[in-house]
Amino acid sequence: MEGKLNAKGYYNCEIIEKYNTVKKEDRIKDCRGIVKKLIAFRVKGNYKNNTDYGRFMKNFTTYSFDYPNKHDDAPDSIAMFVSEIIMKRSRPAKPKAIDRSLLGI
C-alpha cells in the first residue's frame, strides 16, 4: 500500500496495521448508539440508489441482528470508524507517573 501512495507522491502517510479482537456483531452493537448520535448521513432522496453511497446506505440500513447478513461491511466500517476515530481506541494509553511513596517503595 505504501508503494501505491509513494507512486502518487504521498510520503507523509504512515500505515499501521490494526487487528480486530472483537467480533463484528459485538462491535456493531457497541457502537450503534454513538453512530445514531454523532454520525450525520445524507437524507434519503438526496442520493441515487445505484451509486456507491446508495448501496452503502442500503446495506447499512437493512442490517439486522436477527438473521445472518450477506452484506455487513457497511455497518462494520461505521462501527470501526466510531471505535478507532471517535472513541480514540487506536491510540495507545499515555503512561502515568506513580507516586512510589504511596506504595511503600
N, C-alpha and C. Protein backbone atom coordinates (compact mmCIF):
# COMPACT_ATOMS: atom_id res chain seq x y z
N MET A 1 0.82 -1.19 0.00
CA MET A 1 0.00 0.00 0.00
C MET A 1 0.87 1.26 0.00
N GLU A 2 1.95 1.25 0.79
CA GLU A 2 2.82 2.42 0.83
C GLU A 2 3.43 2.70 -0.54
N GLY A 3 3.72 1.64 -1.30
CA GLY A 3 4.25 1.81 -2.65
C GLY A 3 3.28 2.55 -3.55
N LYS A 4 1.98 2.24 -3.41
CA LYS A 4 0.96 2.93 -4.21
C LYS A 4 0.88 4.39 -3.83
N LEU A 5 0.96 4.67 -2.53
CA LEU A 5 0.93 6.07 -2.09
C LEU A 5 2.15 6.83 -2.57
N ASN A 6 3.32 6.20 -2.45
CA ASN A 6 4.56 6.86 -2.90
C ASN A 6 4.52 7.12 -4.41
N ALA A 7 3.94 6.20 -5.17
CA ALA A 7 3.84 6.39 -6.63
C ALA A 7 2.98 7.60 -6.97
N LYS A 8 2.03 7.93 -6.09
CA LYS A 8 1.17 9.10 -6.31
C LYS A 8 1.72 10.36 -5.67
N GLY A 9 2.89 10.25 -5.03
CA GLY A 9 3.51 11.42 -4.44
C GLY A 9 3.16 11.67 -2.98
N TYR A 10 2.55 10.70 -2.31
CA TYR A 10 2.23 10.84 -0.89
C TYR A 10 3.31 10.15 -0.07
N TYR A 11 4.02 10.92 0.76
CA TYR A 11 5.09 10.35 1.56
C TYR A 11 4.89 10.53 3.06
N ASN A 12 3.90 11.30 3.45
CA ASN A 12 3.70 11.59 4.87
C ASN A 12 2.63 10.73 5.53
N CYS A 13 2.24 9.65 4.90
CA CYS A 13 1.20 8.78 5.42
C CYS A 13 1.84 7.55 6.05
N GLU A 14 1.54 7.32 7.31
CA GLU A 14 2.06 6.13 7.99
C GLU A 14 0.93 5.11 8.11
N ILE A 15 1.14 3.93 7.57
CA ILE A 15 0.13 2.88 7.62
C ILE A 15 0.46 1.96 8.80
N ILE A 16 -0.50 1.82 9.69
CA ILE A 16 -0.33 0.98 10.87
C ILE A 16 -1.37 -0.13 10.81
N GLU A 17 -0.93 -1.36 10.89
CA GLU A 17 -1.86 -2.48 10.87
C GLU A 17 -2.63 -2.53 12.18
N LYS A 18 -3.92 -2.81 12.08
CA LYS A 18 -4.77 -2.89 13.26
C LYS A 18 -5.55 -4.18 13.17
N TYR A 19 -5.41 -5.03 14.15
CA TYR A 19 -6.13 -6.29 14.17
C TYR A 19 -7.32 -6.16 15.10
N ASN A 20 -8.45 -6.67 14.66
CA ASN A 20 -9.66 -6.62 15.47
C ASN A 20 -9.70 -7.81 16.41
N THR A 21 -10.01 -7.54 17.66
CA THR A 21 -10.13 -8.60 18.65
C THR A 21 -11.58 -8.79 19.09
N VAL A 22 -12.46 -7.95 18.57
CA VAL A 22 -13.88 -8.01 18.93
C VAL A 22 -14.65 -8.55 17.73
N LYS A 23 -15.61 -9.42 17.98
CA LYS A 23 -16.43 -9.94 16.89
C LYS A 23 -17.19 -8.80 16.22
N LYS A 24 -17.42 -8.95 14.92
CA LYS A 24 -18.06 -7.91 14.12
C LYS A 24 -19.42 -7.52 14.69
N GLU A 25 -20.24 -8.49 15.03
CA GLU A 25 -21.58 -8.19 15.55
C GLU A 25 -21.51 -7.43 16.87
N ASP A 26 -20.57 -7.82 17.74
CA ASP A 26 -20.41 -7.12 19.02
C ASP A 26 -19.93 -5.69 18.81
N ARG A 27 -19.03 -5.51 17.85
CA ARG A 27 -18.52 -4.17 17.55
C ARG A 27 -19.65 -3.26 17.06
N ILE A 28 -20.51 -3.80 16.22
CA ILE A 28 -21.64 -3.03 15.71
C ILE A 28 -22.61 -2.68 16.83
N LYS A 29 -22.91 -3.65 17.71
CA LYS A 29 -23.81 -3.41 18.84
C LYS A 29 -23.25 -2.34 19.78
N ASP A 30 -21.95 -2.43 20.06
CA ASP A 30 -21.32 -1.49 21.00
C ASP A 30 -21.33 -0.06 20.50
N CYS A 31 -21.26 0.14 19.19
CA CYS A 31 -21.11 1.49 18.63
C CYS A 31 -22.40 2.08 18.08
N ARG A 32 -23.49 1.34 18.08
CA ARG A 32 -24.70 1.84 17.41
C ARG A 32 -25.28 3.09 18.04
N GLY A 33 -25.17 3.25 19.35
CA GLY A 33 -25.68 4.46 19.99
C GLY A 33 -24.91 5.69 19.58
N ILE A 34 -23.60 5.57 19.50
CA ILE A 34 -22.76 6.70 19.09
C ILE A 34 -22.99 7.02 17.61
N VAL A 35 -23.19 5.99 16.80
CA VAL A 35 -23.48 6.21 15.38
C VAL A 35 -24.75 7.03 15.24
N LYS A 36 -25.80 6.65 15.96
CA LYS A 36 -27.07 7.37 15.88
C LYS A 36 -26.93 8.81 16.36
N LYS A 37 -26.10 9.02 17.37
CA LYS A 37 -25.97 10.34 17.99
C LYS A 37 -25.03 11.27 17.22
N LEU A 38 -23.93 10.75 16.70
CA LEU A 38 -22.87 11.62 16.18
C LEU A 38 -22.63 11.60 14.68
N ILE A 39 -23.09 10.57 13.98
CA ILE A 39 -22.81 10.48 12.55
C ILE A 39 -23.98 11.07 11.77
N ALA A 40 -23.67 11.96 10.86
CA ALA A 40 -24.70 12.57 10.01
C ALA A 40 -24.62 11.94 8.62
N PHE A 41 -25.74 11.43 8.16
CA PHE A 41 -25.82 10.83 6.84
C PHE A 41 -26.67 11.72 5.94
N ARG A 42 -26.52 11.54 4.65
CA ARG A 42 -27.35 12.28 3.70
C ARG A 42 -28.81 11.86 3.84
N VAL A 43 -29.69 12.76 3.54
CA VAL A 43 -31.12 12.49 3.57
C VAL A 43 -31.46 11.59 2.39
N LYS A 44 -32.28 10.57 2.66
CA LYS A 44 -32.68 9.68 1.56
C LYS A 44 -33.42 10.51 0.51
N GLY A 45 -33.06 10.30 -0.71
CA GLY A 45 -33.62 11.09 -1.80
C GLY A 45 -32.61 12.09 -2.33
N ASN A 46 -31.57 12.38 -1.54
CA ASN A 46 -30.51 13.28 -1.98
C ASN A 46 -29.34 12.52 -2.60
N TYR A 47 -29.53 11.24 -2.81
CA TYR A 47 -28.52 10.41 -3.47
C TYR A 47 -29.25 9.32 -4.25
N LYS A 48 -28.60 8.83 -5.28
CA LYS A 48 -29.21 7.78 -6.10
C LYS A 48 -28.89 6.41 -5.51
N ASN A 49 -29.83 5.50 -5.64
CA ASN A 49 -29.66 4.17 -5.07
C ASN A 49 -28.57 3.35 -5.74
N ASN A 50 -28.29 3.62 -7.01
CA ASN A 50 -27.31 2.82 -7.73
C ASN A 50 -25.89 3.39 -7.66
N THR A 51 -25.63 4.30 -6.73
CA THR A 51 -24.28 4.83 -6.52
C THR A 51 -23.62 4.06 -5.38
N ASP A 52 -22.32 4.27 -5.20
CA ASP A 52 -21.62 3.62 -4.08
C ASP A 52 -22.26 4.00 -2.76
N TYR A 53 -22.60 5.27 -2.60
CA TYR A 53 -23.22 5.73 -1.36
C TYR A 53 -24.60 5.11 -1.17
N GLY A 54 -25.36 5.00 -2.24
CA GLY A 54 -26.69 4.41 -2.17
C GLY A 54 -26.64 2.94 -1.76
N ARG A 55 -25.70 2.20 -2.34
CA ARG A 55 -25.55 0.79 -1.97
C ARG A 55 -25.05 0.66 -0.54
N PHE A 56 -24.14 1.55 -0.14
CA PHE A 56 -23.65 1.55 1.24
C PHE A 56 -24.81 1.77 2.21
N MET A 57 -25.64 2.76 1.93
CA MET A 57 -26.76 3.07 2.83
C MET A 57 -27.79 1.94 2.86
N LYS A 58 -28.01 1.28 1.73
CA LYS A 58 -28.93 0.14 1.72
C LYS A 58 -28.40 -0.96 2.62
N ASN A 59 -27.12 -1.28 2.49
CA ASN A 59 -26.52 -2.32 3.32
C ASN A 59 -26.48 -1.90 4.79
N PHE A 60 -26.28 -0.63 5.03
CA PHE A 60 -26.21 -0.12 6.40
C PHE A 60 -27.58 -0.14 7.08
N THR A 61 -28.60 0.28 6.36
CA THR A 61 -29.92 0.41 6.97
C THR A 61 -30.71 -0.90 6.99
N THR A 62 -30.29 -1.90 6.24
CA THR A 62 -31.01 -3.17 6.25
C THR A 62 -30.32 -4.23 7.11
N TYR A 63 -29.25 -3.85 7.79
CA TYR A 63 -28.55 -4.80 8.67
C TYR A 63 -29.46 -5.21 9.81
N SER A 64 -29.40 -6.48 10.19
CA SER A 64 -30.24 -6.98 11.28
C SER A 64 -29.43 -7.92 12.17
N PHE A 65 -29.71 -7.88 13.46
CA PHE A 65 -29.09 -8.80 14.40
C PHE A 65 -29.86 -10.12 14.47
N ASP A 66 -31.01 -10.18 13.82
CA ASP A 66 -31.88 -11.35 13.92
C ASP A 66 -31.55 -12.47 12.95
N TYR A 67 -30.83 -12.19 11.89
CA TYR A 67 -30.50 -13.21 10.90
C TYR A 67 -29.15 -12.88 10.28
N PRO A 68 -28.50 -13.89 9.67
CA PRO A 68 -27.20 -13.62 9.04
C PRO A 68 -27.34 -12.61 7.91
N ASN A 69 -26.40 -11.70 7.83
CA ASN A 69 -26.43 -10.65 6.81
C ASN A 69 -25.39 -10.96 5.74
N LYS A 70 -25.83 -10.90 4.50
CA LYS A 70 -24.92 -11.17 3.39
C LYS A 70 -23.91 -10.03 3.21
N HIS A 71 -24.38 -8.79 3.40
CA HIS A 71 -23.52 -7.61 3.21
C HIS A 71 -23.49 -6.82 4.52
N ASP A 72 -22.50 -7.09 5.36
CA ASP A 72 -22.42 -6.42 6.65
C ASP A 72 -21.19 -5.52 6.77
N ASP A 73 -20.55 -5.21 5.65
CA ASP A 73 -19.36 -4.37 5.70
C ASP A 73 -19.69 -2.91 5.99
N ALA A 74 -20.85 -2.43 5.57
CA ALA A 74 -21.22 -1.03 5.81
C ALA A 74 -21.36 -0.74 7.30
N PRO A 75 -22.18 -1.48 8.04
CA PRO A 75 -22.27 -1.19 9.47
C PRO A 75 -20.96 -1.47 10.20
N ASP A 76 -20.21 -2.45 9.73
CA ASP A 76 -18.93 -2.75 10.38
C ASP A 76 -17.93 -1.62 10.16
N SER A 77 -17.88 -1.06 8.97
CA SER A 77 -16.93 0.03 8.72
C SER A 77 -17.30 1.28 9.53
N ILE A 78 -18.59 1.56 9.68
CA ILE A 78 -19.01 2.68 10.51
C ILE A 78 -18.65 2.42 11.97
N ALA A 79 -18.87 1.18 12.42
CA ALA A 79 -18.54 0.82 13.81
C ALA A 79 -17.04 0.94 14.06
N MET A 80 -16.21 0.52 13.09
CA MET A 80 -14.76 0.66 13.26
C MET A 80 -14.36 2.13 13.26
N PHE A 81 -15.00 2.94 12.43
CA PHE A 81 -14.71 4.38 12.42
C PHE A 81 -15.01 4.98 13.80
N VAL A 82 -16.17 4.64 14.35
CA VAL A 82 -16.54 5.15 15.67
C VAL A 82 -15.54 4.68 16.72
N SER A 83 -15.21 3.42 16.68
CA SER A 83 -14.31 2.85 17.67
C SER A 83 -12.90 3.44 17.58
N GLU A 84 -12.36 3.52 16.39
CA GLU A 84 -10.97 3.93 16.23
C GLU A 84 -10.77 5.44 16.19
N ILE A 85 -11.69 6.17 15.58
CA ILE A 85 -11.51 7.61 15.40
C ILE A 85 -12.24 8.42 16.47
N ILE A 86 -13.53 8.17 16.63
CA ILE A 86 -14.31 8.98 17.56
C ILE A 86 -13.97 8.62 19.00
N MET A 87 -13.93 7.32 19.31
CA MET A 87 -13.65 6.90 20.68
C MET A 87 -12.14 6.81 20.96
N LYS A 88 -11.34 6.98 19.93
CA LYS A 88 -9.87 7.02 20.01
C LYS A 88 -9.28 5.78 20.67
N ARG A 89 -9.82 4.62 20.35
CA ARG A 89 -9.29 3.37 20.89
C ARG A 89 -8.00 2.95 20.21
N SER A 90 -7.70 3.54 19.07
CA SER A 90 -6.50 3.14 18.35
C SER A 90 -5.23 3.76 18.93
N ARG A 91 -5.40 4.78 19.73
CA ARG A 91 -4.24 5.42 20.32
C ARG A 91 -3.81 4.69 21.58
N PRO A 92 -2.52 4.46 21.72
CA PRO A 92 -2.07 3.78 22.93
C PRO A 92 -2.27 4.68 24.15
N ALA A 93 -2.47 4.06 25.28
CA ALA A 93 -2.66 4.80 26.52
C ALA A 93 -1.39 5.55 26.88
N LYS A 94 -1.56 6.75 27.42
CA LYS A 94 -0.40 7.53 27.85
C LYS A 94 0.04 7.04 29.22
N PRO A 95 1.34 6.88 29.41
CA PRO A 95 1.81 6.43 30.72
C PRO A 95 1.60 7.51 31.78
N LYS A 96 1.31 7.06 32.99
CA LYS A 96 1.11 7.99 34.10
C LYS A 96 2.14 7.70 35.17
N ALA A 97 2.63 8.74 35.78
CA ALA A 97 3.62 8.58 36.85
C ALA A 97 2.94 8.00 38.08
N ILE A 98 3.68 7.18 38.80
CA ILE A 98 3.18 6.59 40.03
C ILE A 98 3.99 7.14 41.19
N ASP A 99 3.29 7.55 42.24
CA ASP A 99 3.97 8.01 43.45
C ASP A 99 4.36 6.78 44.24
N ARG A 100 5.63 6.39 44.16
CA ARG A 100 6.10 5.17 44.79
C ARG A 100 5.99 5.21 46.31
N SER A 101 5.98 6.41 46.87
CA SER A 101 5.90 6.50 48.33
C SER A 101 4.53 6.00 48.83
N LEU A 102 3.51 6.14 48.00
CA LEU A 102 2.19 5.61 48.37
C LEU A 102 2.16 4.09 48.37
N LEU A 103 3.07 3.48 47.64
CA LEU A 103 3.15 2.04 47.58
C LEU A 103 4.15 1.47 48.59
N GLY A 104 4.79 2.35 49.33
CA GLY A 104 5.78 1.89 50.32
C GLY A 104 7.10 1.51 49.70
N ILE A 105 7.39 2.05 48.55
CA ILE A 105 8.66 1.73 47.86
C ILE A 105 9.62 2.89 48.00
